[in-house]
Amino acid sequence: MKDMNVIVFDFLEELLGEGGVEVASMIFDKEATDEEISNETGIRINTVRKVLYRLYDNRLASYRRIRDKKTGWFIYYWKMEITKAPEVMRNLESRYLSHLQEILEYEKSNMFFSCENECKKYVFEAASDLNFTCPDCGKSLNFCENRNIIEKLENQIRNITTRQES
């Protein structure tokens, strides 16, 4: 099994995007301001702030603020709240699982039609309204088998459910 820190940083990379892990690693075991992070990493201050806010929104970072006596401005010192990562990961995974189940239900309860160029996939009612003609390329809309999509969704759901149970 992977080391927990590796799992958490893989999760952070997916959650935060480019530069996110670098920002998170700067406050992993110490406090830092957004300007300190920007200066040390070379990442633009706006990007650093977006990452910090995303961490904060997901309850993975906290801050304390101090008023600068010279300027009167607040200085924010950020730090990771990594102990909350497993809970956040479970919540995101549960939301993702619900989303997959909604998509699966939609795929199972509809018939789909598409042209040979696969411009767009239409449910039966929409295809019927279009007289089974693709509005983009003018080709005929034909029945589109979605069994592979359903199987992939069911496998993803099964994998997540199995992981949650263990």
Protein backbone atom coordinates (compact mmCIF):
# COMPACT_ATOMS: atom_id res chain seq x y z
CA MET A 1 0.00 0.00 0.00
CA LYS A 2 1.16 3.54 -0.73
CA ASP A 3 2.56 5.72 2.04
CA MET A 4 -0.23 7.99 3.36
CA ASN A 5 1.74 11.17 2.51
CA VAL A 6 2.09 9.98 -1.11
CA ILE A 7 -1.66 9.33 -1.28
CA VAL A 8 -2.43 12.75 0.20
CA PHE A 9 -0.07 14.55 -2.20
CA ASP A 10 -1.52 12.64 -5.18
CA PHE A 11 -4.95 13.78 -4.00
CA LEU A 12 -3.73 17.38 -3.56
CA GLU A 13 -2.22 17.39 -7.05
CA GLU A 14 -5.57 16.39 -8.51
CA LEU A 15 -7.51 18.84 -6.32
CA LEU A 16 -5.22 21.84 -6.70
CA GLY A 17 -3.81 21.53 -10.19
CA GLU A 18 -0.52 22.90 -11.46
CA GLY A 19 1.64 24.44 -8.76
CA GLY A 20 -0.79 23.36 -6.06
CA VAL A 21 1.36 20.66 -4.51
CA GLU A 22 4.33 23.00 -4.44
CA VAL A 23 2.28 25.57 -2.52
CA ALA A 24 0.87 22.91 -0.19
CA SER A 25 4.32 21.50 0.52
CA MET A 26 5.49 24.99 1.59
CA ILE A 27 2.94 25.03 4.42
CA PHE A 28 2.95 21.30 5.13
CA ASP A 29 4.96 21.54 8.36
CA LYS A 30 5.36 25.29 8.90
CA GLU A 31 3.48 28.55 8.52
CA ALA A 32 4.10 30.89 5.61
CA THR A 33 2.54 33.97 4.03
CA ASP A 34 1.33 34.03 0.45
CA GLU A 35 4.21 36.37 -0.43
CA GLU A 36 6.80 34.05 1.15
CA ILE A 37 5.37 31.12 -0.79
CA SER A 38 5.37 33.11 -4.02
CA ASN A 39 8.96 34.29 -3.53
CA GLU A 40 10.29 30.82 -2.65
CA THR A 41 8.47 28.91 -5.38
CA GLY A 42 8.43 31.49 -8.15
CA ILE A 43 4.70 30.94 -8.57
CA ARG A 44 2.66 34.09 -9.22
CA ILE A 45 1.02 35.53 -6.10
CA ASN A 46 -2.49 35.24 -7.62
CA THR A 47 -1.96 31.55 -8.31
CA VAL A 48 -0.63 31.01 -4.77
CA ARG A 49 -3.72 32.72 -3.35
CA LYS A 50 -6.08 30.63 -5.49
CA VAL A 51 -4.41 27.47 -4.21
CA LEU A 52 -4.55 28.67 -0.60
CA TYR A 53 -8.24 29.54 -0.92
CA ARG A 54 -8.99 26.17 -2.50
CA LEU A 55 -7.18 24.46 0.38
CA TYR A 56 -9.09 26.60 2.85
CA ASP A 57 -12.45 25.91 1.15
CA ASN A 58 -11.74 22.19 1.44
CA ARG A 59 -10.73 22.58 5.10
CA LEU A 60 -7.18 21.51 4.33
CA ALA A 61 -5.54 24.76 5.40
CA SER A 62 -6.06 27.37 8.06
CA TYR A 63 -4.61 30.77 8.67
CA ARG A 64 -3.96 33.24 11.43
CA ARG A 65 -3.85 36.93 10.77
CA ILE A 66 -1.77 39.66 12.35
CA ARG A 67 -2.07 43.38 11.77
CA ASP A 68 1.15 44.96 10.51
CA LYS A 69 1.84 47.85 12.87
CA LYS A 70 3.52 49.94 10.16
CA THR A 71 0.96 49.62 7.36
CA GLY A 72 -2.18 48.61 9.25
CA TRP A 73 -2.71 45.78 6.76
CA PHE A 74 -3.38 42.21 7.81
CA ILE A 75 -0.72 39.57 7.20
CA TYR A 76 -2.03 36.02 6.82
CA TYR A 77 0.07 33.06 7.95
CA TRP A 78 -1.10 29.83 6.34
CA LYS A 79 -0.58 26.22 7.41
CA MET A 80 -1.85 22.83 6.28
CA GLU A 81 -4.48 20.93 8.24
CA ILE A 82 -3.41 17.61 6.79
CA THR A 83 -5.19 15.56 9.47
CA LYS A 84 -8.47 16.47 7.74
CA ALA A 85 -7.33 15.16 4.35
CA PRO A 86 -8.75 11.62 4.69
CA GLU A 87 -12.17 13.01 5.63
CA VAL A 88 -12.11 15.49 2.74
CA MET A 89 -11.01 12.72 0.36
CA ARG A 90 -13.90 10.51 1.52
CA ASN A 91 -16.41 13.34 1.08
CA LEU A 92 -15.16 14.15 -2.42
CA GLU A 93 -15.17 10.49 -3.32
CA SER A 94 -18.77 10.16 -2.06
CA ARG A 95 -19.85 13.14 -4.17
CA TYR A 96 -18.04 11.65 -7.17
CA LEU A 97 -19.75 8.30 -6.55
CA SER A 98 -23.17 10.01 -6.48
CA HIS A 99 -22.34 11.78 -9.72
CA LEU A 100 -21.32 8.50 -11.38
CA GLN A 101 -24.56 6.87 -10.19
CA GLU A 102 -26.59 9.73 -11.71
CA ILE A 103 -24.76 9.37 -15.03
CA LEU A 104 -25.29 5.59 -14.94
CA GLU A 105 -29.00 6.02 -14.34
CA TYR A 106 -29.20 8.52 -17.22
CA GLU A 107 -27.32 6.16 -19.56
CA LYS A 108 -29.53 3.21 -18.59
CA SER A 109 -32.81 5.07 -18.93
CA ASN A 110 -32.26 6.65 -22.35
CA MET A 111 -31.73 5.62 -25.95
CA PHE A 112 -29.07 7.63 -27.71
CA PHE A 113 -28.51 8.60 -31.32
CA SER A 114 -25.43 9.99 -33.04
CA CYS A 115 -24.20 10.65 -36.57
CA GLU A 116 -21.26 8.80 -38.13
CA ASN A 117 -19.04 11.83 -37.36
CA GLU A 118 -20.07 11.62 -33.69
CA CYS A 119 -20.72 15.39 -33.59
CA LYS A 120 -23.02 15.03 -30.58
CA LYS A 121 -25.05 12.37 -28.81
CA TYR A 122 -28.83 12.95 -28.60
CA VAL A 123 -31.53 11.26 -26.54
CA PHE A 124 -34.42 9.78 -28.53
CA GLU A 125 -36.76 12.75 -28.02
CA ALA A 126 -34.14 15.28 -29.20
CA ALA A 127 -33.15 13.09 -32.17
CA SER A 128 -36.82 12.75 -33.11
CA ASP A 129 -37.31 16.53 -32.93
CA LEU A 130 -34.34 16.83 -35.33
CA ASN A 131 -35.91 14.28 -37.70
CA PHE A 132 -32.88 12.07 -36.98
CA THR A 133 -30.61 14.47 -38.85
CA CYS A 134 -27.48 15.92 -37.25
CA PRO A 135 -27.79 19.72 -37.10
CA ASP A 136 -24.00 20.10 -37.28
CA CYS A 137 -23.06 17.99 -40.29
CA GLY A 138 -26.41 16.99 -41.84
CA LYS A 139 -25.73 13.23 -41.58
CA SER A 140 -28.31 10.77 -40.38
CA LEU A 141 -28.62 10.11 -36.62
CA ASN A 142 -28.42 6.39 -35.85
CA PHE A 143 -28.91 4.36 -32.69
CA CYS A 144 -25.80 4.58 -30.52
CA GLU A 145 -25.07 1.56 -28.34
CA ASN A 146 -23.97 2.63 -24.85
CA ARG A 147 -23.35 -0.77 -23.25
CA ASN A 148 -19.59 -0.07 -22.97
CA ILE A 149 -20.24 3.22 -21.19
CA ILE A 150 -22.63 1.50 -18.77
CA GLU A 151 -20.08 -1.25 -18.06
CA LYS A 152 -17.30 1.29 -17.42
CA LEU A 153 -19.51 3.30 -15.08
CA GLU A 154 -20.56 0.15 -13.20
CA ASN A 155 -16.90 -0.88 -12.83
CA GLN A 156 -15.92 2.57 -11.53
CA ILE A 157 -18.81 2.52 -9.06
CA ARG A 158 -17.92 -0.99 -7.93
CA ASN A 159 -14.24 -0.03 -7.43
CA ILE A 160 -15.12 3.04 -5.36
CA THR A 161 -17.70 1.15 -3.32
CA THR A 162 -15.25 -1.68 -2.64
CA ARG A 163 -12.57 0.82 -1.57
CA GLN A 164 -15.02 2.61 0.75
CA GLU A 165 -16.01 -0.66 2.41
CA SER A 166 -12.43 -1.65 3.20
